[in-house]
Amino acid sequence: MTNKEYIIACLNDEIDDGGASYEACAHYYINCPYTTDDSRAACYDKPLGFTNRNVCSACKMAWLEEEADDE
């Protein structure tokens, strides 16, 4: 399995591990899709140190499920 195939399998949640690979893939392989002033970010307007793996992974997974921004 290539890295590309692994990431696709993780993002399609095809690996039977209760979603752990999906979360890990979002956390480790996807950079934050937002800028610091984007209100869609889970950490927007939150205190420094608010973010952690759970917050960032959930935010990235929500971004993955959104319609593509064509701007």
PDB file of N, CA and C in Angstrom:
ATOM      1  N   MET A   1       0.851  -1.169   0.000  1.00  0.00           N
ATOM      2  CA  MET A   1       0.000   0.000   0.000  1.00  0.00           C
ATOM      3  C   MET A   1       0.898   1.235   0.000  1.00  0.00           C
ATOM      4  N   THR A   2       0.637   2.138  -0.938  1.00  0.00           N
ATOM      5  CA  THR A   2       1.408   3.379  -0.991  1.00  0.00           C
ATOM      6  C   THR A   2       0.897   4.350   0.073  1.00  0.00           C
ATOM      7  N   ASN A   3       1.666   5.402   0.319  1.00  0.00           N
ATOM      8  CA  ASN A   3       1.216   6.431   1.264  1.00  0.00           C
ATOM      9  C   ASN A   3      -0.096   7.055   0.798  1.00  0.00           C
ATOM     10  N   LYS A   4      -0.206   7.287  -0.507  1.00  0.00           N
ATOM     11  CA  LYS A   4      -1.434   7.860  -1.058  1.00  0.00           C
ATOM     12  C   LYS A   4      -2.615   6.938  -0.799  1.00  0.00           C
ATOM     13  N   GLU A   5      -2.444   5.657  -1.034  1.00  0.00           N
ATOM     14  CA  GLU A   5      -3.516   4.682  -0.796  1.00  0.00           C
ATOM     15  C   GLU A   5      -3.874   4.607   0.684  1.00  0.00           C
ATOM     16  N   TYR A   6      -2.863   4.691   1.544  1.00  0.00           N
ATOM     17  CA  TYR A   6      -3.108   4.655   2.981  1.00  0.00           C
ATOM     18  C   TYR A   6      -3.938   5.853   3.432  1.00  0.00           C
ATOM     19  N   ILE A   7      -3.571   7.051   2.961  1.00  0.00           N
ATOM     20  CA  ILE A   7      -4.304   8.252   3.340  1.00  0.00           C
ATOM     21  C   ILE A   7      -5.739   8.188   2.817  1.00  0.00           C
ATOM     22  N   ILE A   8      -5.922   7.738   1.599  1.00  0.00           N
ATOM     23  CA  ILE A   8      -7.269   7.603   1.038  1.00  0.00           C
ATOM     24  C   ILE A   8      -8.080   6.606   1.866  1.00  0.00           C
ATOM     25  N   ALA A   9      -7.483   5.484   2.224  1.00  0.00           N
ATOM     26  CA  ALA A   9      -8.182   4.482   3.035  1.00  0.00           C
ATOM     27  C   ALA A   9      -8.542   5.051   4.405  1.00  0.00           C
ATOM     28  N   CYS A  10      -7.634   5.800   5.001  1.00  0.00           N
ATOM     29  CA  CYS A  10      -7.911   6.409   6.305  1.00  0.00           C
ATOM     30  C   CYS A  10      -9.052   7.403   6.207  1.00  0.00           C
ATOM     31  N   LEU A  11      -8.992   8.272   5.223  1.00  0.00           N
ATOM     32  CA  LEU A  11     -10.017   9.304   5.087  1.00  0.00           C
ATOM     33  C   LEU A  11     -11.370   8.725   4.683  1.00  0.00           C
ATOM     34  N   ASN A  12     -11.364   7.583   4.046  1.00  0.00           N
ATOM     35  CA  ASN A  12     -12.621   6.899   3.727  1.00  0.00           C
ATOM     36  C   ASN A  12     -13.055   5.990   4.873  1.00  0.00           C
ATOM     37  N   ASP A  13     -12.281   5.999   5.951  1.00  0.00           N
ATOM     38  CA  ASP A  13     -12.549   5.205   7.150  1.00  0.00           C
ATOM     39  C   ASP A  13     -12.718   3.726   6.815  1.00  0.00           C
ATOM     40  N   GLU A  14     -11.819   3.227   5.945  1.00  0.00           N
ATOM     41  CA  GLU A  14     -11.860   1.840   5.503  1.00  0.00           C
ATOM     42  C   GLU A  14     -11.012   0.919   6.374  1.00  0.00           C
ATOM     43  N   ILE A  15     -10.314   1.483   7.346  1.00  0.00           N
ATOM     44  CA  ILE A  15      -9.474   0.691   8.233  1.00  0.00           C
ATOM     45  C   ILE A  15     -10.285   0.417   9.494  1.00  0.00           C
ATOM     46  N   ASP A  16     -10.433  -0.848   9.823  1.00  0.00           N
ATOM     47  CA  ASP A  16     -11.308  -1.261  10.921  1.00  0.00           C
ATOM     48  C   ASP A  16     -10.606  -1.100  12.266  1.00  0.00           C
ATOM     49  N   ASP A  17     -10.648   0.125  12.794  1.00  0.00           N
ATOM     50  CA  ASP A  17     -10.023   0.370  14.098  1.00  0.00           C
ATOM     51  C   ASP A  17     -10.815   1.400  14.905  1.00  0.00           C
ATOM     52  N   GLY A  18     -12.109   1.461  14.661  1.00  0.00           N
ATOM     53  CA  GLY A  18     -12.967   2.356  15.421  1.00  0.00           C
ATOM     54  C   GLY A  18     -12.748   3.827  15.142  1.00  0.00           C
ATOM     55  N   GLY A  19     -12.201   4.170  13.989  1.00  0.00           N
ATOM     56  CA  GLY A  19     -11.997   5.564  13.628  1.00  0.00           C
ATOM     57  C   GLY A  19     -10.676   6.157  14.073  1.00  0.00           C
ATOM     58  N   ALA A  20      -9.848   5.384  14.750  1.00  0.00           N
ATOM     59  CA  ALA A  20      -8.576   5.908  15.252  1.00  0.00           C
ATOM     60  C   ALA A  20      -7.649   6.339  14.113  1.00  0.00           C
ATOM     61  N   SER A  21      -7.601   5.579  13.034  1.00  0.00           N
ATOM     62  CA  SER A  21      -6.743   5.938  11.906  1.00  0.00           C
ATOM     63  C   SER A  21      -7.249   7.196  11.221  1.00  0.00           C
ATOM     64  N   TYR A  22      -8.565   7.347  11.122  1.00  0.00           N
ATOM     65  CA  TYR A  22      -9.162   8.533  10.512  1.00  0.00           C
ATOM     66  C   TYR A  22      -8.760   9.776  11.296  1.00  0.00           C
ATOM     67  N   GLU A  23      -8.870   9.715  12.618  1.00  0.00           N
ATOM     68  CA  GLU A  23      -8.484  10.847  13.471  1.00  0.00           C
ATOM     69  C   GLU A  23      -6.994  11.114  13.362  1.00  0.00           C
ATOM     70  N   ALA A  24      -6.177  10.062  13.409  1.00  0.00           N
ATOM     71  CA  ALA A  24      -4.726  10.225  13.323  1.00  0.00           C
ATOM     72  C   ALA A  24      -4.331  10.803  11.974  1.00  0.00           C
ATOM     73  N   CYS A  25      -4.970  10.361  10.917  1.00  0.00           N
ATOM     74  CA  CYS A  25      -4.666  10.866   9.576  1.00  0.00           C
ATOM     75  C   CYS A  25      -4.974  12.356   9.501  1.00  0.00           C
ATOM     76  N   ALA A  26      -6.126  12.755   9.995  1.00  0.00           N
ATOM     77  CA  ALA A  26      -6.490  14.180   9.996  1.00  0.00           C
ATOM     78  C   ALA A  26      -5.494  14.976  10.827  1.00  0.00           C
ATOM     79  N   HIS A  27      -5.120  14.453  11.966  1.00  0.00           N
ATOM     80  CA  HIS A  27      -4.217  15.182  12.861  1.00  0.00           C
ATOM     81  C   HIS A  27      -2.810  15.316  12.286  1.00  0.00           C
ATOM     82  N   TYR A  28      -2.246  14.220  11.812  1.00  0.00           N
ATOM     83  CA  TYR A  28      -0.841  14.221  11.397  1.00  0.00           C
ATOM     84  C   TYR A  28      -0.594  14.623   9.947  1.00  0.00           C
ATOM     85  N   TYR A  29      -1.529  14.359   9.044  1.00  0.00           N
ATOM     86  CA  TYR A  29      -1.256  14.553   7.622  1.00  0.00           C
ATOM     87  C   TYR A  29      -1.955  15.744   6.988  1.00  0.00           C
ATOM     88  N   ILE A  30      -2.842  16.409   7.722  1.00  0.00           N
ATOM     89  CA  ILE A  30      -3.552  17.554   7.156  1.00  0.00           C
ATOM     90  C   ILE A  30      -3.221  18.788   7.978  1.00  0.00           C
ATOM     91  N   ASN A  31      -2.665  19.793   7.321  1.00  0.00           N
ATOM     92  CA  ASN A  31      -2.392  21.062   7.994  1.00  0.00           C
ATOM     93  C   ASN A  31      -3.705  21.797   8.222  1.00  0.00           C
ATOM     94  N   CYS A  32      -3.682  22.721   9.131  1.00  0.00           N
ATOM     95  CA  CYS A  32      -4.874  23.511   9.423  1.00  0.00           C
ATOM     96  C   CYS A  32      -5.345  24.194   8.138  1.00  0.00           C
ATOM     97  N   PRO A  33      -6.611  24.006   7.783  1.00  0.00           N
ATOM     98  CA  PRO A  33      -7.121  24.611   6.547  1.00  0.00           C
ATOM     99  C   PRO A  33      -7.515  26.073   6.694  1.00  0.00           C
ATOM    100  N   TYR A  34      -7.415  26.627   7.891  1.00  0.00           N
ATOM    101  CA  TYR A  34      -7.876  27.985   8.155  1.00  0.00           C
ATOM    102  C   TYR A  34      -6.726  28.907   8.533  1.00  0.00           C
ATOM    103  N   THR A  35      -6.956  30.200   8.351  1.00  0.00           N
ATOM    104  CA  THR A  35      -6.022  31.204   8.834  1.00  0.00           C
ATOM    105  C   THR A  35      -6.464  31.620  10.235  1.00  0.00           C
ATOM    106  N   THR A  36      -5.637  32.332  10.929  1.00  0.00           N
ATOM    107  CA  THR A  36      -5.930  32.683  12.320  1.00  0.00           C
ATOM    108  C   THR A  36      -7.145  33.578  12.473  1.00  0.00           C
ATOM    109  N   ASP A  37      -7.547  34.262  11.415  1.00  0.00           N
ATOM    110  CA  ASP A  37      -8.706  35.144  11.524  1.00  0.00           C
ATOM    111  C   ASP A  37      -9.974  34.561  10.895  1.00  0.00           C
ATOM    112  N   ASP A  38      -9.993  33.258  10.653  1.00  0.00           N
ATOM    113  CA  ASP A  38     -11.143  32.601  10.041  1.00  0.00           C
ATOM    114  C   ASP A  38     -12.081  32.079  11.128  1.00  0.00           C
ATOM    115  N   SER A  39     -13.288  32.577  11.150  1.00  0.00           N
ATOM    116  CA  SER A  39     -14.237  32.207  12.201  1.00  0.00           C
ATOM    117  C   SER A  39     -14.716  30.760  12.113  1.00  0.00           C
ATOM    118  N   ARG A  40     -14.425  30.058  11.007  1.00  0.00           N
ATOM    119  CA  ARG A  40     -14.813  28.644  10.886  1.00  0.00           C
ATOM    120  C   ARG A  40     -13.897  27.730  11.693  1.00  0.00           C
ATOM    121  N   ALA A  41     -12.731  28.207  12.068  1.00  0.00           N
ATOM    122  CA  ALA A  41     -11.773  27.396  12.826  1.00  0.00           C
ATOM    123  C   ALA A  41     -12.286  27.167  14.248  1.00  0.00           C
ATOM    124  N   ALA A  42     -12.095  25.962  14.749  1.00  0.00           N
ATOM    125  CA  ALA A  42     -12.541  25.626  16.106  1.00  0.00           C
ATOM    126  C   ALA A  42     -11.807  26.448  17.158  1.00  0.00           C
ATOM    127  N   CYS A  43     -10.614  26.902  16.840  1.00  0.00           N
ATOM    128  CA  CYS A  43      -9.821  27.664  17.804  1.00  0.00           C
ATOM    129  C   CYS A  43      -9.995  29.168  17.652  1.00  0.00           C
ATOM    130  N   TYR A  44     -10.854  29.588  16.735  1.00  0.00           N
ATOM    131  CA  TYR A  44     -11.063  31.013  16.501  1.00  0.00           C
ATOM    132  C   TYR A  44     -11.534  31.705  17.773  1.00  0.00           C
ATOM    133  N   ASP A  45     -10.857  32.777  18.113  1.00  0.00           N
ATOM    134  CA  ASP A  45     -11.223  33.613  19.261  1.00  0.00           C
ATOM    135  C   ASP A  45     -11.173  32.858  20.599  1.00  0.00           C
ATOM    136  N   LYS A  46     -10.337  31.824  20.661  1.00  0.00           N
ATOM    137  CA  LYS A  46     -10.160  31.050  21.900  1.00  0.00           C
ATOM    138  C   LYS A  46      -8.808  31.409  22.510  1.00  0.00           C
ATOM    139  N   PRO A  47      -8.635  31.181  23.796  1.00  0.00           N
ATOM    140  CA  PRO A  47      -7.356  31.521  24.437  1.00  0.00           C
ATOM    141  C   PRO A  47      -6.207  30.648  23.929  1.00  0.00           C
ATOM    142  N   LEU A  48      -5.013  31.173  24.022  1.00  0.00           N
ATOM    143  CA  LEU A  48      -3.818  30.436  23.639  1.00  0.00           C
ATOM    144  C   LEU A  48      -3.747  29.139  24.442  1.00  0.00           C
ATOM    145  N   GLY A  49      -3.436  28.064  23.805  1.00  0.00           N
ATOM    146  CA  GLY A  49      -3.369  26.770  24.478  1.00  0.00           C
ATOM    147  C   GLY A  49      -4.677  26.010  24.435  1.00  0.00           C
ATOM    148  N   PHE A  50      -5.710  26.573  23.799  1.00  0.00           N
ATOM    149  CA  PHE A  50      -7.011  25.918  23.707  1.00  0.00           C
ATOM    150  C   PHE A  50      -6.948  24.660  22.855  1.00  0.00           C
ATOM    151  N   THR A  51      -6.166  24.731  21.788  1.00  0.00           N
ATOM    152  CA  THR A  51      -6.147  23.621  20.838  1.00  0.00           C
ATOM    153  C   THR A  51      -5.399  22.415  21.384  1.00  0.00           C
ATOM    154  N   ASN A  52      -5.857  21.265  20.971  1.00  0.00           N
ATOM    155  CA  ASN A  52      -5.189  19.995  21.261  1.00  0.00           C
ATOM    156  C   ASN A  52      -5.551  19.034  20.136  1.00  0.00           C
ATOM    157  N   ARG A  53      -5.086  17.814  20.217  1.00  0.00           N
ATOM    158  CA  ARG A  53      -5.326  16.846  19.146  1.00  0.00           C
ATOM    159  C   ARG A  53      -6.813  16.652  18.886  1.00  0.00           C
ATOM    160  N   ASN A  54      -7.607  16.548  19.929  1.00  0.00           N
ATOM    161  CA  ASN A  54      -9.046  16.318  19.751  1.00  0.00           C
ATOM    162  C   ASN A  54      -9.727  17.486  19.045  1.00  0.00           C
ATOM    163  N   VAL A  55      -9.413  18.698  19.469  1.00  0.00           N
ATOM    164  CA  VAL A  55     -10.020  19.894  18.873  1.00  0.00           C
ATOM    165  C   VAL A  55      -9.589  20.023  17.412  1.00  0.00           C
ATOM    166  N   CYS A  56      -8.297  19.909  17.154  1.00  0.00           N
ATOM    167  CA  CYS A  56      -7.785  20.061  15.793  1.00  0.00           C
ATOM    168  C   CYS A  56      -8.298  18.963  14.867  1.00  0.00           C
ATOM    169  N   SER A  57      -8.299  17.734  15.324  1.00  0.00           N
ATOM    170  CA  SER A  57      -8.780  16.630  14.479  1.00  0.00           C
ATOM    171  C   SER A  57     -10.253  16.801  14.154  1.00  0.00           C
ATOM    172  N   ALA A  58     -11.065  17.158  15.135  1.00  0.00           N
ATOM    173  CA  ALA A  58     -12.498  17.357  14.897  1.00  0.00           C
ATOM    174  C   ALA A  58     -12.730  18.509  13.919  1.00  0.00           C
ATOM    175  N   CYS A  59     -11.966  19.571  14.059  1.00  0.00           N
ATOM    176  CA  CYS A  59     -12.083  20.724  13.164  1.00  0.00           C
ATOM    177  C   CYS A  59     -11.699  20.329  11.735  1.00  0.00           C
ATOM    178  N   LYS A  60     -10.611  19.615  11.576  1.00  0.00           N
ATOM    179  CA  LYS A  60     -10.158  19.187  10.254  1.00  0.00           C
ATOM    180  C   LYS A  60     -11.143  18.205   9.630  1.00  0.00           C
ATOM    181  N   MET A  61     -11.701  17.308  10.443  1.00  0.00           N
ATOM    182  CA  MET A  61     -12.680  16.354   9.921  1.00  0.00           C
ATOM    183  C   MET A  61     -13.948  17.078   9.473  1.00  0.00           C
ATOM    184  N   ALA A  62     -14.358  18.098  10.209  1.00  0.00           N
ATOM    185  CA  ALA A  62     -15.518  18.895   9.803  1.00  0.00           C
ATOM    186  C   ALA A  62     -15.219  19.606   8.483  1.00  0.00           C
ATOM    187  N   TRP A  63     -13.997  20.137   8.342  1.00  0.00           N
ATOM    188  CA  TRP A  63     -13.597  20.791   7.100  1.00  0.00           C
ATOM    189  C   TRP A  63     -13.637  19.810   5.928  1.00  0.00           C
ATOM    190  N   LEU A  64     -13.184  18.593   6.147  1.00  0.00           N
ATOM    191  CA  LEU A  64     -13.189  17.587   5.090  1.00  0.00           C
ATOM    192  C   LEU A  64     -14.601  17.289   4.586  1.00  0.00           C
ATOM    193  N   GLU A  65     -15.592  17.410   5.447  1.00  0.00           N
ATOM    194  CA  GLU A  65     -16.969  17.102   5.092  1.00  0.00           C
ATOM    195  C   GLU A  65     -17.709  18.285   4.456  1.00  0.00           C
ATOM    196  N   GLU A  66     -17.103  19.472   4.459  1.00  0.00           N
ATOM    197  CA  GLU A  66     -17.724  20.653   3.867  1.00  0.00           C
ATOM    198  C   GLU A  66     -17.578  20.628   2.339  1.00  0.00           C
ATOM    199  N   GLU A  67     -18.440  21.381   1.687  1.00  0.00           N
ATOM    200  CA  GLU A  67     -18.323  21.563   0.236  1.00  0.00           C
ATOM    201  C   GLU A  67     -17.038  22.334  -0.037  1.00  0.00           C
ATOM    202  N   ALA A  68     -16.406  22.050  -1.166  1.00  0.00           N
ATOM    203  CA  ALA A  68     -15.175  22.732  -1.552  1.00  0.00           C
ATOM    204  C   ALA A  68     -15.420  24.216  -1.749  1.00  0.00           C
ATOM    205  N   ASP A  69     -14.485  25.024  -1.293  1.00  0.00           N
ATOM    206  CA  ASP A  69     -14.556  26.470  -1.434  1.00  0.00           C
ATOM    207  C   ASP A  69     -13.853  26.861  -2.731  1.00  0.00           C
ATOM    208  N   ASP A  70     -14.605  27.307  -3.707  1.00  0.00           N
ATOM    209  CA  ASP A  70     -14.049  27.608  -5.034  1.00  0.00           C
ATOM    210  C   ASP A  70     -13.451  28.994  -5.158  1.00  0.00           C
ATOM    211  N   GLU A  71     -13.325  29.704  -4.084  1.00  0.00           N
ATOM    212  CA  GLU A  71     -12.803  31.078  -4.147  1.00  0.00           C
ATOM    213  C   GLU A  71     -11.329  31.099  -4.378  1.00  0.00           C
TER     214      GLU A  71
END
